[in-house]
Amino acid sequence: MQTRRVKKGDMVEVIAGKEKGKTGKVAKATGKNDRIIIEKLNMVKRHQRPDAKGKGGIVEKEGSIHISNVLLVCSKCNRGVRVGYKILDDGKKVRVCHKCGELLDS
């Protein structure tokens, strides 16, 4: 079983690009091309053609960021940290903070 470093709902800090230093919640994580969408970050404008649901025009939405450009935020360290893995006594594999050892999975 493969465990992912960043999952939907995680708090992450952007470490590269135009949004560097900002934090946000992961709205969507795709495994196919290792990209994530963070709420209200990396906003891009797209031209949309009108359809049956609504009108068209210039729509602003979140763009994707590569997973290598973010760090998971540890609640104890209160900053972006690298992720390690640990296998619990019951055999479950969980993510841990590489700095303080705090469990990142609930």
C-alpha atoms as a PDB file:
ATOM      1  CA  MET A   1       0.000   0.000   0.000  1.00  0.00           C
ATOM      2  CA  GLN A   2       1.399   3.363  -1.016  1.00  0.00           C
ATOM      3  CA  THR A   3       1.057   6.258   1.423  1.00  0.00           C
ATOM      4  CA  ARG A   4       0.925   9.769  -0.029  1.00  0.00           C
ATOM      5  CA  ARG A   5       2.952  12.620   1.386  1.00  0.00           C
ATOM      6  CA  VAL A   6       0.178  15.212   0.943  1.00  0.00           C
ATOM      7  CA  LYS A   7      -3.544  14.454   1.075  1.00  0.00           C
ATOM      8  CA  LYS A   8      -6.790  16.386   0.621  1.00  0.00           C
ATOM      9  CA  GLY A   9      -7.534  18.526   3.683  1.00  0.00           C
ATOM     10  CA  ASP A  10      -3.891  18.916   4.788  1.00  0.00           C
ATOM     11  CA  MET A  11      -2.416  22.326   5.627  1.00  0.00           C
ATOM     12  CA  VAL A  12       0.618  23.000   3.442  1.00  0.00           C
ATOM     13  CA  GLU A  13       3.199  25.763   3.009  1.00  0.00           C
ATOM     14  CA  VAL A  14       4.344  26.760  -0.479  1.00  0.00           C
ATOM     15  CA  ILE A  15       8.154  26.822  -0.701  1.00  0.00           C
ATOM     16  CA  ALA A  16       8.658  27.821  -4.360  1.00  0.00           C
ATOM     17  CA  GLY A  17       6.983  29.940  -7.013  1.00  0.00           C
ATOM     18  CA  LYS A  18       4.945  33.125  -6.932  1.00  0.00           C
ATOM     19  CA  GLU A  19       3.003  32.015  -3.825  1.00  0.00           C
ATOM     20  CA  LYS A  20       6.164  31.236  -1.806  1.00  0.00           C
ATOM     21  CA  GLY A  21       5.698  31.530   1.963  1.00  0.00           C
ATOM     22  CA  LYS A  22       1.898  31.278   1.912  1.00  0.00           C
ATOM     23  CA  THR A  23      -0.066  28.489   3.585  1.00  0.00           C
ATOM     24  CA  GLY A  24      -3.383  26.940   2.661  1.00  0.00           C
ATOM     25  CA  LYS A  25      -5.582  23.872   2.750  1.00  0.00           C
ATOM     26  CA  VAL A  26      -5.329  21.240   0.006  1.00  0.00           C
ATOM     27  CA  ALA A  27      -8.585  21.180  -1.977  1.00  0.00           C
ATOM     28  CA  LYS A  28      -7.629  18.438  -4.425  1.00  0.00           C
ATOM     29  CA  ALA A  29      -4.681  16.077  -4.820  1.00  0.00           C
ATOM     30  CA  THR A  30      -4.101  14.144  -8.040  1.00  0.00           C
ATOM     31  CA  GLY A  31      -1.782  11.166  -8.023  1.00  0.00           C
ATOM     32  CA  LYS A  32      -1.464  10.884 -11.776  1.00  0.00           C
ATOM     33  CA  ASN A  33       0.872  13.859 -12.267  1.00  0.00           C
ATOM     34  CA  ASP A  34       1.769  14.696  -8.617  1.00  0.00           C
ATOM     35  CA  ARG A  35      -0.031  18.048  -8.565  1.00  0.00           C
ATOM     36  CA  ILE A  36      -2.269  19.599  -5.914  1.00  0.00           C
ATOM     37  CA  ILE A  37      -4.762  22.466  -5.796  1.00  0.00           C
ATOM     38  CA  ILE A  38      -4.637  24.709  -2.729  1.00  0.00           C
ATOM     39  CA  GLU A  39      -7.688  26.785  -1.747  1.00  0.00           C
ATOM     40  CA  LYS A  40      -7.411  30.474  -2.717  1.00  0.00           C
ATOM     41  CA  LEU A  41      -3.762  30.167  -3.890  1.00  0.00           C
ATOM     42  CA  ASN A  42      -2.188  30.305  -7.368  1.00  0.00           C
ATOM     43  CA  MET A  43      -5.266  31.973  -8.879  1.00  0.00           C
ATOM     44  CA  VAL A  44      -5.351  31.887 -12.698  1.00  0.00           C
ATOM     45  CA  LYS A  45      -7.803  33.356 -15.213  1.00  0.00           C
ATOM     46  CA  ARG A  46      -9.485  31.094 -17.757  1.00  0.00           C
ATOM     47  CA  HIS A  47     -11.757  32.036 -20.634  1.00  0.00           C
ATOM     48  CA  GLN A  48     -14.936  29.982 -20.477  1.00  0.00           C
ATOM     49  CA  ARG A  49     -17.493  29.530 -23.210  1.00  0.00           C
ATOM     50  CA  PRO A  50     -21.164  29.866 -22.204  1.00  0.00           C
ATOM     51  CA  ASP A  51     -22.991  26.582 -21.608  1.00  0.00           C
ATOM     52  CA  ALA A  52     -26.439  25.440 -20.467  1.00  0.00           C
ATOM     53  CA  LYS A  53     -25.624  25.980 -16.782  1.00  0.00           C
ATOM     54  CA  GLY A  54     -24.455  29.579 -16.923  1.00  0.00           C
ATOM     55  CA  LYS A  55     -22.837  32.378 -18.807  1.00  0.00           C
ATOM     56  CA  GLY A  56     -19.287  32.446 -20.029  1.00  0.00           C
ATOM     57  CA  GLY A  57     -16.549  34.994 -19.606  1.00  0.00           C
ATOM     58  CA  ILE A  58     -13.268  35.232 -17.772  1.00  0.00           C
ATOM     59  CA  VAL A  59     -13.329  32.903 -14.758  1.00  0.00           C
ATOM     60  CA  GLU A  60     -10.768  33.024 -11.965  1.00  0.00           C
ATOM     61  CA  LYS A  61      -9.925  29.703 -10.338  1.00  0.00           C
ATOM     62  CA  GLU A  62      -7.114  27.926  -8.490  1.00  0.00           C
ATOM     63  CA  GLY A  63      -4.238  26.569 -10.537  1.00  0.00           C
ATOM     64  CA  SER A  64      -2.321  23.433  -9.640  1.00  0.00           C
ATOM     65  CA  ILE A  65       1.062  23.365  -7.888  1.00  0.00           C
ATOM     66  CA  HIS A  66       3.540  20.505  -8.099  1.00  0.00           C
ATOM     67  CA  ILE A  67       3.781  18.456  -4.897  1.00  0.00           C
ATOM     68  CA  SER A  68       7.542  19.075  -4.666  1.00  0.00           C
ATOM     69  CA  ASN A  69       6.912  22.803  -4.148  1.00  0.00           C
ATOM     70  CA  VAL A  70       5.001  22.387  -0.864  1.00  0.00           C
ATOM     71  CA  LEU A  71       5.749  21.208   2.671  1.00  0.00           C
ATOM     72  CA  LEU A  72       3.227  19.780   5.095  1.00  0.00           C
ATOM     73  CA  VAL A  73       2.580  22.051   8.105  1.00  0.00           C
ATOM     74  CA  CYS A  74       3.136  20.399  11.501  1.00  0.00           C
ATOM     75  CA  SER A  75       0.707  21.600  14.199  1.00  0.00           C
ATOM     76  CA  LYS A  76       3.374  21.317  16.911  1.00  0.00           C
ATOM     77  CA  CYS A  77       6.245  22.980  14.988  1.00  0.00           C
ATOM     78  CA  ASN A  78       3.780  25.431  13.359  1.00  0.00           C
ATOM     79  CA  ARG A  79       5.783  25.481  10.107  1.00  0.00           C
ATOM     80  CA  GLY A  80       6.394  23.442   6.977  1.00  0.00           C
ATOM     81  CA  VAL A  81       8.313  20.225   7.662  1.00  0.00           C
ATOM     82  CA  ARG A  82       9.492  17.166   5.810  1.00  0.00           C
ATOM     83  CA  VAL A  83       7.424  14.020   6.212  1.00  0.00           C
ATOM     84  CA  GLY A  84       8.644  10.713   7.595  1.00  0.00           C
ATOM     85  CA  TYR A  85       6.763   7.464   8.026  1.00  0.00           C
ATOM     86  CA  LYS A  86       6.287   5.177  10.998  1.00  0.00           C
ATOM     87  CA  ILE A  87       4.523   1.846  11.357  1.00  0.00           C
ATOM     88  CA  LEU A  88       2.360   1.630  14.476  1.00  0.00           C
ATOM     89  CA  ASP A  89       1.911  -1.478  16.650  1.00  0.00           C
ATOM     90  CA  ASP A  90      -1.337  -2.358  14.854  1.00  0.00           C
ATOM     91  CA  GLY A  91       0.514  -2.362  11.497  1.00  0.00           C
ATOM     92  CA  LYS A  92      -0.862   0.957  10.261  1.00  0.00           C
ATOM     93  CA  LYS A  93       1.588   3.210   8.372  1.00  0.00           C
ATOM     94  CA  VAL A  94       1.300   6.872   9.427  1.00  0.00           C
ATOM     95  CA  ARG A  95       3.002  10.139   8.517  1.00  0.00           C
ATOM     96  CA  VAL A  96       5.187  11.798  11.155  1.00  0.00           C
ATOM     97  CA  CYS A  97       6.952  15.170  11.424  1.00  0.00           C
ATOM     98  CA  HIS A  98      10.624  14.734  10.579  1.00  0.00           C
ATOM     99  CA  LYS A  99      11.635  17.439  13.126  1.00  0.00           C
ATOM    100  CA  CYS A 100       9.646  16.651  16.281  1.00  0.00           C
ATOM    101  CA  GLY A 101       8.213  13.160  15.643  1.00  0.00           C
ATOM    102  CA  GLU A 102       4.581  14.327  16.017  1.00  0.00           C
ATOM    103  CA  LEU A 103       1.948  12.190  14.227  1.00  0.00           C
ATOM    104  CA  LEU A 104       0.534  14.083  11.238  1.00  0.00           C
ATOM    105  CA  ASP A 105      -2.273  11.576  10.620  1.00  0.00           C
ATOM    106  CA  SER A 106      -5.218  11.572  12.988  1.00  0.00           C
END
